[in-house]
Amino acid sequence: MNGYLATTPFFVDGVIAKDAPEAHYRMISPDYFRVLGIPLREGRSFTAADRHDAASVAIINATFARRYFAGRSPVGRRMRLDDGESVPREMEIVGVVGDVRHFGLEKEVTIEAYVPIAQVPDQTTIWLANNLYWVVHTDGAPLAVASTVRREIAAVDPAVPASFVRSMDQWMAGTLAPRRFNLQLVAAFAAAALLLAMVGVYAVSAAAVAARRREIGIRAALGASRLEVIALVLRTGLAPVLAGLATGAAVAV
């Protein structure tokens, strides 16, 4: 489960309010990282013990750690997060996870702060109603359980629609569609270039053979076999082809 709030200011090592940077604020359930395969780099993940009445904790991404804790471990350090309380809420950093490009493969990695969904202040829960995403891990075809998930959500709150259901493959296909189109376009141009090269080689070889018709006739009259004549033509025609392939392979390497 992942609830998303665009950005929220945070305070580390005494940064004053007017200079406070902002992090993308994500409210997640304990199994979020495991289900999506986001690696835990340091510390621990959230557990069921991170309840509303427990000590406030947070997990940051690797970019956050590099930028504000260069050369130091952020685990065990404290930061304040302005996420809806009257004053910024102080919490302990308990883990660091790998970076995720939430906004596209071409976009820069953003600073991310993850908090347990059970510890989200009441003032911020309105964002959960508008920006809540469920990630469901299944053993079979993902979309086969879509109706079951919708039914279970409706059983909890009929007013909450479960809309825009997609498999992870469909999400990834949409993300990769521009790159795949560019790759297919390049492949089409490469195929056209290969076809033109083949036609050109054939035309040049045919012209070379036509120019040597008298020589080939004399060789045949002197006893050259059909295979010997073919070998002669192939040697002449393949020499520049093999030279080109060797040069191209060297340049590619």
C-alpha atoms as a PDB file:
ATOM      1  CA  MET A   1       0.000   0.000   0.000  1.00  0.00           C
ATOM      2  CA  ASN A   2       1.349   3.407  -0.931  1.00  0.00           C
ATOM      3  CA  GLY A   3      -0.190   6.809  -0.253  1.00  0.00           C
ATOM      4  CA  TYR A   4       1.538   9.736  -1.903  1.00  0.00           C
ATOM      5  CA  LEU A   5       1.879  13.402  -0.933  1.00  0.00           C
ATOM      6  CA  ALA A   6       3.745  15.541  -3.452  1.00  0.00           C
ATOM      7  CA  THR A   7       6.434  17.056  -1.229  1.00  0.00           C
ATOM      8  CA  THR A   8       6.932  17.930   2.404  1.00  0.00           C
ATOM      9  CA  PRO A   9       9.691  19.919   4.139  1.00  0.00           C
ATOM     10  CA  PHE A  10      12.136  18.077   6.375  1.00  0.00           C
ATOM     11  CA  PHE A  11      14.815  19.210   8.808  1.00  0.00           C
ATOM     12  CA  VAL A  12      18.130  17.435   9.342  1.00  0.00           C
ATOM     13  CA  ASP A  13      21.005  18.490  11.623  1.00  0.00           C
ATOM     14  CA  GLY A  14      19.473  21.802  12.606  1.00  0.00           C
ATOM     15  CA  VAL A  15      18.476  23.119   9.181  1.00  0.00           C
ATOM     16  CA  ILE A  16      16.341  26.195   9.789  1.00  0.00           C
ATOM     17  CA  ALA A  17      12.777  26.345   8.496  1.00  0.00           C
ATOM     18  CA  LYS A  18      13.249  28.874   5.710  1.00  0.00           C
ATOM     19  CA  ASP A  19      16.004  26.745   4.198  1.00  0.00           C
ATOM     20  CA  ALA A  20      14.312  23.405   4.749  1.00  0.00           C
ATOM     21  CA  PRO A  21      14.521  21.142   1.682  1.00  0.00           C
ATOM     22  CA  GLU A  22      11.578  19.072   0.538  1.00  0.00           C
ATOM     23  CA  ALA A  23      11.201  15.326   0.085  1.00  0.00           C
ATOM     24  CA  HIS A  24       8.552  13.277  -1.676  1.00  0.00           C
ATOM     25  CA  TYR A  25       6.422  11.876   1.120  1.00  0.00           C
ATOM     26  CA  ARG A  26       5.175   8.307   0.797  1.00  0.00           C
ATOM     27  CA  MET A  27       2.928   6.588   3.325  1.00  0.00           C
ATOM     28  CA  ILE A  28       3.368   2.820   3.012  1.00  0.00           C
ATOM     29  CA  SER A  29       2.421  -0.480   4.614  1.00  0.00           C
ATOM     30  CA  PRO A  30       5.127  -2.772   6.071  1.00  0.00           C
ATOM     31  CA  ASP A  31       5.194  -5.153   3.064  1.00  0.00           C
ATOM     32  CA  TYR A  32       5.512  -2.450   0.404  1.00  0.00           C
ATOM     33  CA  PHE A  33       9.257  -2.820  -0.197  1.00  0.00           C
ATOM     34  CA  ARG A  34       9.118  -6.632  -0.220  1.00  0.00           C
ATOM     35  CA  VAL A  35       6.232  -6.816  -2.688  1.00  0.00           C
ATOM     36  CA  LEU A  36       7.829  -4.388  -5.136  1.00  0.00           C
ATOM     37  CA  GLY A  37      11.330  -5.793  -4.722  1.00  0.00           C
ATOM     38  CA  ILE A  38      12.819  -2.484  -3.540  1.00  0.00           C
ATOM     39  CA  PRO A  39      16.120  -3.444  -1.866  1.00  0.00           C
ATOM     40  CA  LEU A  40      16.847  -2.553   1.738  1.00  0.00           C
ATOM     41  CA  ARG A  41      20.358  -1.057   1.743  1.00  0.00           C
ATOM     42  CA  GLU A  42      20.754  -0.461   5.448  1.00  0.00           C
ATOM     43  CA  GLY A  43      18.810  -0.769   8.687  1.00  0.00           C
ATOM     44  CA  ARG A  44      15.368  -2.346   8.821  1.00  0.00           C
ATOM     45  CA  SER A  45      12.024  -2.125   7.114  1.00  0.00           C
ATOM     46  CA  PHE A  46       8.736  -1.213   8.768  1.00  0.00           C
ATOM     47  CA  THR A  47       6.905  -3.799  10.859  1.00  0.00           C
ATOM     48  CA  ALA A  48       3.451  -4.188  12.409  1.00  0.00           C
ATOM     49  CA  ALA A  49       4.945  -2.776  15.628  1.00  0.00           C
ATOM     50  CA  ASP A  50       5.299   0.670  14.005  1.00  0.00           C
ATOM     51  CA  ARG A  51       1.831   1.716  15.143  1.00  0.00           C
ATOM     52  CA  HIS A  52       0.318   5.096  15.863  1.00  0.00           C
ATOM     53  CA  ASP A  53       1.235   4.844  19.536  1.00  0.00           C
ATOM     54  CA  ALA A  54       4.838   3.757  18.857  1.00  0.00           C
ATOM     55  CA  ALA A  55       7.904   5.927  18.305  1.00  0.00           C
ATOM     56  CA  SER A  56       7.788   7.753  14.985  1.00  0.00           C
ATOM     57  CA  VAL A  57      10.096   6.223  12.369  1.00  0.00           C
ATOM     58  CA  ALA A  58      10.995   6.865   8.736  1.00  0.00           C
ATOM     59  CA  ILE A  59      12.937   5.233   5.916  1.00  0.00           C
ATOM     60  CA  ILE A  60      14.797   7.279   3.319  1.00  0.00           C
ATOM     61  CA  ASN A  61      16.088   6.420  -0.136  1.00  0.00           C
ATOM     62  CA  ALA A  62      19.742   6.166  -1.153  1.00  0.00           C
ATOM     63  CA  THR A  63      19.766   9.593  -2.850  1.00  0.00           C
ATOM     64  CA  PHE A  64      18.507  11.209   0.367  1.00  0.00           C
ATOM     65  CA  ALA A  65      21.249   9.434   2.337  1.00  0.00           C
ATOM     66  CA  ARG A  66      24.026  10.428  -0.079  1.00  0.00           C
ATOM     67  CA  ARG A  67      22.981  14.061  -0.228  1.00  0.00           C
ATOM     68  CA  TYR A  68      22.456  14.767   3.472  1.00  0.00           C
ATOM     69  CA  PHE A  69      24.500  12.084   5.235  1.00  0.00           C
ATOM     70  CA  ALA A  70      27.584  11.873   3.044  1.00  0.00           C
ATOM     71  CA  GLY A  71      30.087   9.508   4.609  1.00  0.00           C
ATOM     72  CA  ARG A  72      27.844   8.814   7.618  1.00  0.00           C
ATOM     73  CA  SER A  73      25.191   6.213   8.308  1.00  0.00           C
ATOM     74  CA  PRO A  74      21.734   7.805   8.598  1.00  0.00           C
ATOM     75  CA  VAL A  75      20.328   4.836  10.534  1.00  0.00           C
ATOM     76  CA  GLY A  76      19.623   5.855  14.115  1.00  0.00           C
ATOM     77  CA  ARG A  77      19.793   9.573  13.370  1.00  0.00           C
ATOM     78  CA  ARG A  78      16.757  11.774  13.834  1.00  0.00           C
ATOM     79  CA  MET A  79      15.011  14.219  11.549  1.00  0.00           C
ATOM     80  CA  ARG A  80      11.915  16.371  11.722  1.00  0.00           C
ATOM     81  CA  LEU A  81       9.261  16.063   9.041  1.00  0.00           C
ATOM     82  CA  ASP A  82       6.562  18.655   8.444  1.00  0.00           C
ATOM     83  CA  ASP A  83       3.720  16.299   7.529  1.00  0.00           C
ATOM     84  CA  GLY A  84       0.623  17.939   8.957  1.00  0.00           C
ATOM     85  CA  GLU A  85       1.189  18.375  12.674  1.00  0.00           C
ATOM     86  CA  SER A  86       1.217  21.847  14.201  1.00  0.00           C
ATOM     87  CA  VAL A  87       4.992  21.540  14.539  1.00  0.00           C
ATOM     88  CA  PRO A  88       7.348  19.335  12.482  1.00  0.00           C
ATOM     89  CA  ARG A  89       7.208  15.754  13.743  1.00  0.00           C
ATOM     90  CA  GLU A  90      10.491  14.276  14.987  1.00  0.00           C
ATOM     91  CA  MET A  91      11.240  10.726  13.912  1.00  0.00           C
ATOM     92  CA  GLU A  92      14.085   8.237  13.828  1.00  0.00           C
ATOM     93  CA  ILE A  93      15.545   7.050  10.518  1.00  0.00           C
ATOM     94  CA  VAL A  94      15.492   3.253  10.756  1.00  0.00           C
ATOM     95  CA  GLY A  95      16.467   2.255   7.217  1.00  0.00           C
ATOM     96  CA  VAL A  96      17.720   3.169   3.764  1.00  0.00           C
ATOM     97  CA  VAL A  97      16.226   1.655   0.589  1.00  0.00           C
ATOM     98  CA  GLY A  98      17.275   1.710  -3.039  1.00  0.00           C
ATOM     99  CA  ASP A  99      16.256   4.511  -5.368  1.00  0.00           C
ATOM    100  CA  VAL A 100      13.088   4.211  -7.454  1.00  0.00           C
ATOM    101  CA  ARG A 101      12.407   6.322 -10.535  1.00  0.00           C
ATOM    102  CA  HIS A 102       8.750   6.952  -9.744  1.00  0.00           C
ATOM    103  CA  PHE A 103       8.257   9.537 -12.492  1.00  0.00           C
ATOM    104  CA  GLY A 104       9.931   7.801 -15.447  1.00  0.00           C
ATOM    105  CA  LEU A 105      13.217   6.277 -16.519  1.00  0.00           C
ATOM    106  CA  GLU A 106      14.418   9.569 -18.011  1.00  0.00           C
ATOM    107  CA  LYS A 107      13.631  11.580 -14.855  1.00  0.00           C
ATOM    108  CA  GLU A 108      16.117  12.303 -12.108  1.00  0.00           C
ATOM    109  CA  VAL A 109      15.801  10.307  -8.898  1.00  0.00           C
ATOM    110  CA  THR A 110      13.965  12.360  -6.282  1.00  0.00           C
ATOM    111  CA  ILE A 111      14.538  12.582  -2.523  1.00  0.00           C
ATOM    112  CA  GLU A 112      12.105  10.142  -0.906  1.00  0.00           C
ATOM    113  CA  ALA A 113      10.918   9.810   2.694  1.00  0.00           C
ATOM    114  CA  TYR A 114       8.774   6.789   3.587  1.00  0.00           C
ATOM    115  CA  VAL A 115       6.665   6.644   6.766  1.00  0.00           C
ATOM    116  CA  PRO A 116       4.446   3.854   8.134  1.00  0.00           C
ATOM    117  CA  ILE A 117       0.869   4.411   7.091  1.00  0.00           C
ATOM    118  CA  ALA A 118      -0.253   3.719  10.654  1.00  0.00           C
ATOM    119  CA  GLN A 119       1.712   6.742  11.920  1.00  0.00           C
ATOM    120  CA  VAL A 120       0.356   9.296   9.443  1.00  0.00           C
ATOM    121  CA  PRO A 121      -1.146  12.320  11.268  1.00  0.00           C
ATOM    122  CA  ASP A 122      -4.907  12.731  11.025  1.00  0.00           C
ATOM    123  CA  GLN A 123      -4.469  16.009   9.126  1.00  0.00           C
ATOM    124  CA  THR A 124      -2.607  14.197   6.360  1.00  0.00           C
ATOM    125  CA  THR A 125      -4.925  11.207   5.956  1.00  0.00           C
ATOM    126  CA  ILE A 126      -7.027  13.171   3.443  1.00  0.00           C
ATOM    127  CA  TRP A 127      -4.219  12.536   0.958  1.00  0.00           C
ATOM    128  CA  LEU A 128      -4.701   8.801   1.421  1.00  0.00           C
ATOM    129  CA  ALA A 129      -8.260   9.057   0.113  1.00  0.00           C
ATOM    130  CA  ASN A 130      -7.079  10.724  -3.095  1.00  0.00           C
ATOM    131  CA  ASN A 131      -3.668   9.128  -3.716  1.00  0.00           C
ATOM    132  CA  LEU A 132      -3.763   5.578  -2.395  1.00  0.00           C
ATOM    133  CA  TYR A 133      -2.308   2.722  -4.447  1.00  0.00           C
ATOM    134  CA  TRP A 134      -2.525  -0.985  -3.665  1.00  0.00           C
ATOM    135  CA  VAL A 135       0.144  -3.365  -4.948  1.00  0.00           C
ATOM    136  CA  VAL A 136      -0.977  -7.001  -4.810  1.00  0.00           C
ATOM    137  CA  HIS A 137       1.447  -9.899  -5.265  1.00  0.00           C
ATOM    138  CA  THR A 138      -0.163 -13.023  -6.725  1.00  0.00           C
ATOM    139  CA  ASP A 139       0.976 -16.539  -7.580  1.00  0.00           C
ATOM    140  CA  GLY A 140      -0.929 -16.625 -10.886  1.00  0.00           C
ATOM    141  CA  ALA A 141      -2.137 -14.139 -13.473  1.00  0.00           C
ATOM    142  CA  PRO A 142      -2.357 -10.756 -11.662  1.00  0.00           C
ATOM    143  CA  LEU A 143      -5.554  -9.528 -13.314  1.00  0.00           C
ATOM    144  CA  ALA A 144      -7.341 -12.768 -12.428  1.00  0.00           C
ATOM    145  CA  VAL A 145      -7.740 -11.523  -8.837  1.00  0.00           C
ATOM    146  CA  ALA A 146      -8.815  -7.983  -9.785  1.00  0.00           C
ATOM    147  CA  SER A 147     -12.507  -8.641  -9.099  1.00  0.00           C
ATOM    148  CA  THR A 148     -11.663 -10.231  -5.742  1.00  0.00           C
ATOM    149  CA  VAL A 149      -9.598  -7.217  -4.699  1.00  0.00           C
ATOM    150  CA  ARG A 150     -12.384  -4.839  -5.742  1.00  0.00           C
ATOM    151  CA  ARG A 151     -14.892  -6.865  -3.743  1.00  0.00           C
ATOM    152  CA  GLU A 152     -12.738  -6.860  -0.609  1.00  0.00           C
ATOM    153  CA  ILE A 153     -12.176  -3.090  -0.823  1.00  0.00           C
ATOM    154  CA  ALA A 154     -15.918  -2.508  -1.286  1.00  0.00           C
ATOM    155  CA  ALA A 155     -16.591  -4.673   1.768  1.00  0.00           C
ATOM    156  CA  VAL A 156     -14.462  -2.316   3.861  1.00  0.00           C
ATOM    157  CA  ASP A 157     -15.819   0.936   2.370  1.00  0.00           C
ATOM    158  CA  PRO A 158     -18.325   0.872  -0.517  1.00  0.00           C
ATOM    159  CA  ALA A 159     -17.667   4.566  -1.184  1.00  0.00           C
ATOM    160  CA  VAL A 160     -14.051   3.925  -2.206  1.00  0.00           C
ATOM    161  CA  PRO A 161     -13.764   2.909  -5.891  1.00  0.00           C
ATOM    162  CA  ALA A 162     -11.004   0.519  -6.943  1.00  0.00           C
ATOM    163  CA  SER A 163     -10.226   2.026 -10.318  1.00  0.00           C
ATOM    164  CA  PHE A 164      -7.450   1.873 -12.890  1.00  0.00           C
ATOM    165  CA  VAL A 165      -6.400  -1.702 -12.199  1.00  0.00           C
ATOM    166  CA  ARG A 166      -3.293  -2.699 -14.146  1.00  0.00           C
ATOM    167  CA  SER A 167      -0.732  -5.477 -13.988  1.00  0.00           C
ATOM    168  CA  MET A 168       2.899  -4.531 -13.406  1.00  0.00           C
ATOM    169  CA  ASP A 169       3.704  -5.726 -16.928  1.00  0.00           C
ATOM    170  CA  GLN A 170       1.142  -3.245 -18.291  1.00  0.00           C
ATOM    171  CA  TRP A 171       2.612  -0.428 -16.211  1.00  0.00           C
ATOM    172  CA  MET A 172       6.114  -1.274 -17.423  1.00  0.00           C
ATOM    173  CA  ALA A 173       4.928  -1.558 -21.032  1.00  0.00           C
ATOM    174  CA  GLY A 174       3.493   1.949 -20.830  1.00  0.00           C
ATOM    175  CA  THR A 175       6.713   3.278 -19.325  1.00  0.00           C
ATOM    176  CA  LEU A 176       8.901   1.580 -21.923  1.00  0.00           C
ATOM    177  CA  ALA A 177       6.632   2.301 -24.922  1.00  0.00           C
ATOM    178  CA  PRO A 178       8.613   5.370 -26.164  1.00  0.00           C
ATOM    179  CA  ARG A 179      11.917   3.485 -25.935  1.00  0.00           C
ATOM    180  CA  ARG A 180      10.486   0.443 -27.671  1.00  0.00           C
ATOM    181  CA  PHE A 181       9.081   2.617 -30.462  1.00  0.00           C
ATOM    182  CA  ASN A 182      12.488   4.249 -30.969  1.00  0.00           C
ATOM    183  CA  LEU A 183      14.155   0.833 -30.984  1.00  0.00           C
ATOM    184  CA  GLN A 184      11.668  -0.509 -33.541  1.00  0.00           C
ATOM    185  CA  LEU A 185      12.216   2.586 -35.695  1.00  0.00           C
ATOM    186  CA  VAL A 186      15.991   2.093 -35.603  1.00  0.00           C
ATOM    187  CA  ALA A 187      15.518  -1.608 -36.417  1.00  0.00           C
ATOM    188  CA  ALA A 188      13.326  -0.699 -39.416  1.00  0.00           C
ATOM    189  CA  PHE A 189      15.965   1.692 -40.739  1.00  0.00           C
ATOM    190  CA  ALA A 190      18.651  -0.949 -40.161  1.00  0.00           C
ATOM    191  CA  ALA A 191      16.616  -3.542 -42.096  1.00  0.00           C
ATOM    192  CA  ALA A 192      16.140  -1.068 -44.963  1.00  0.00           C
ATOM    193  CA  ALA A 193      19.873  -0.311 -44.979  1.00  0.00           C
ATOM    194  CA  LEU A 194      20.670  -4.038 -45.028  1.00  0.00           C
ATOM    195  CA  LEU A 195      18.270  -4.589 -47.939  1.00  0.00           C
ATOM    196  CA  LEU A 196      19.843  -1.720 -49.896  1.00  0.00           C
ATOM    197  CA  ALA A 197      23.317  -3.091 -49.156  1.00  0.00           C
ATOM    198  CA  MET A 198      22.278  -6.535 -50.406  1.00  0.00           C
ATOM    199  CA  VAL A 199      20.836  -5.055 -53.603  1.00  0.00           C
ATOM    200  CA  GLY A 200      24.002  -3.007 -54.096  1.00  0.00           C
ATOM    201  CA  VAL A 201      26.279  -6.015 -53.585  1.00  0.00           C
ATOM    202  CA  TYR A 202      24.208  -8.028 -56.040  1.00  0.00           C
ATOM    203  CA  ALA A 203      24.311  -5.243 -58.629  1.00  0.00           C
ATOM    204  CA  VAL A 204      28.067  -4.771 -58.307  1.00  0.00           C
ATOM    205  CA  SER A 205      28.688  -8.544 -58.424  1.00  0.00           C
ATOM    206  CA  ALA A 206      26.448  -8.926 -61.471  1.00  0.00           C
ATOM    207  CA  ALA A 207      28.285  -6.093 -63.247  1.00  0.00           C
ATOM    208  CA  ALA A 208      31.647  -7.630 -62.363  1.00  0.00           C
ATOM    209  CA  VAL A 209      30.605 -11.021 -63.706  1.00  0.00           C
ATOM    210  CA  ALA A 210      29.204  -9.444 -66.897  1.00  0.00           C
ATOM    211  CA  ALA A 211      32.501  -7.607 -67.414  1.00  0.00           C
ATOM    212  CA  ARG A 212      34.424 -10.896 -67.134  1.00  0.00           C
ATOM    213  CA  ARG A 213      32.191 -12.990 -69.381  1.00  0.00           C
ATOM    214  CA  ARG A 214      34.967 -13.427 -71.981  1.00  0.00           C
ATOM    215  CA  GLU A 215      37.473 -14.479 -69.288  1.00  0.00           C
ATOM    216  CA  ILE A 216      34.990 -16.925 -67.775  1.00  0.00           C
ATOM    217  CA  GLY A 217      34.271 -18.368 -71.222  1.00  0.00           C
ATOM    218  CA  ILE A 218      37.967 -18.881 -71.924  1.00  0.00           C
ATOM    219  CA  ARG A 219      38.465 -20.574 -68.521  1.00  0.00           C
ATOM    220  CA  ALA A 220      35.522 -22.863 -69.191  1.00  0.00           C
ATOM    221  CA  ALA A 221      36.904 -23.717 -72.645  1.00  0.00           C
ATOM    222  CA  LEU A 222      40.254 -24.566 -71.087  1.00  0.00           C
ATOM    223  CA  GLY A 223      38.587 -27.065 -68.723  1.00  0.00           C
ATOM    224  CA  ALA A 224      37.552 -25.041 -65.678  1.00  0.00           C
ATOM    225  CA  SER A 225      34.627 -26.693 -63.931  1.00  0.00           C
ATOM    226  CA  ARG A 226      31.410 -24.981 -62.877  1.00  0.00           C
ATOM    227  CA  LEU A 227      32.507 -25.010 -59.192  1.00  0.00           C
ATOM    228  CA  GLU A 228      35.868 -23.438 -60.066  1.00  0.00           C
ATOM    229  CA  VAL A 229      34.157 -20.646 -61.987  1.00  0.00           C
ATOM    230  CA  ILE A 230      31.744 -20.039 -59.070  1.00  0.00           C
ATOM    231  CA  ALA A 231      34.643 -19.996 -56.609  1.00  0.00           C
ATOM    232  CA  LEU A 232      36.440 -17.427 -58.773  1.00  0.00           C
ATOM    233  CA  VAL A 233      33.404 -15.146 -58.791  1.00  0.00           C
ATOM    234  CA  LEU A 234      32.816 -15.547 -55.045  1.00  0.00           C
ATOM    235  CA  ARG A 235      36.440 -14.772 -54.186  1.00  0.00           C
ATOM    236  CA  THR A 236      36.276 -11.599 -56.178  1.00  0.00           C
ATOM    237  CA  GLY A 237      32.904 -10.534 -54.794  1.00  0.00           C
ATOM    238  CA  LEU A 238      33.376 -11.537 -51.165  1.00  0.00           C
ATOM    239  CA  ALA A 239      36.778  -9.915 -50.666  1.00  0.00           C
ATOM    240  CA  PRO A 240      35.373  -6.384 -50.077  1.00  0.00           C
ATOM    241  CA  VAL A 241      32.447  -7.841 -48.098  1.00  0.00           C
ATOM    242  CA  LEU A 242      34.769  -9.676 -45.701  1.00  0.00           C
ATOM    243  CA  ALA A 243      36.967  -6.596 -45.370  1.00  0.00           C
ATOM    244  CA  GLY A 244      33.904  -4.517 -44.533  1.00  0.00           C
ATOM    245  CA  LEU A 245      32.679  -7.040 -41.958  1.00  0.00           C
ATOM    246  CA  ALA A 246      36.085  -7.135 -40.257  1.00  0.00           C
ATOM    247  CA  THR A 247      36.272  -3.348 -40.152  1.00  0.00           C
ATOM    248  CA  GLY A 248      32.707  -3.063 -38.828  1.00  0.00           C
ATOM    249  CA  ALA A 249      33.292  -5.698 -36.148  1.00  0.00           C
ATOM    250  CA  ALA A 250      36.464  -3.925 -35.006  1.00  0.00           C
ATOM    251  CA  VAL A 251      34.677  -0.573 -34.797  1.00  0.00           C
ATOM    252  CA  ALA A 252      31.727  -2.164 -32.930  1.00  0.00           C
ATOM    253  CA  VAL A 253      34.062  -3.707 -30.356  1.00  0.00           C
END
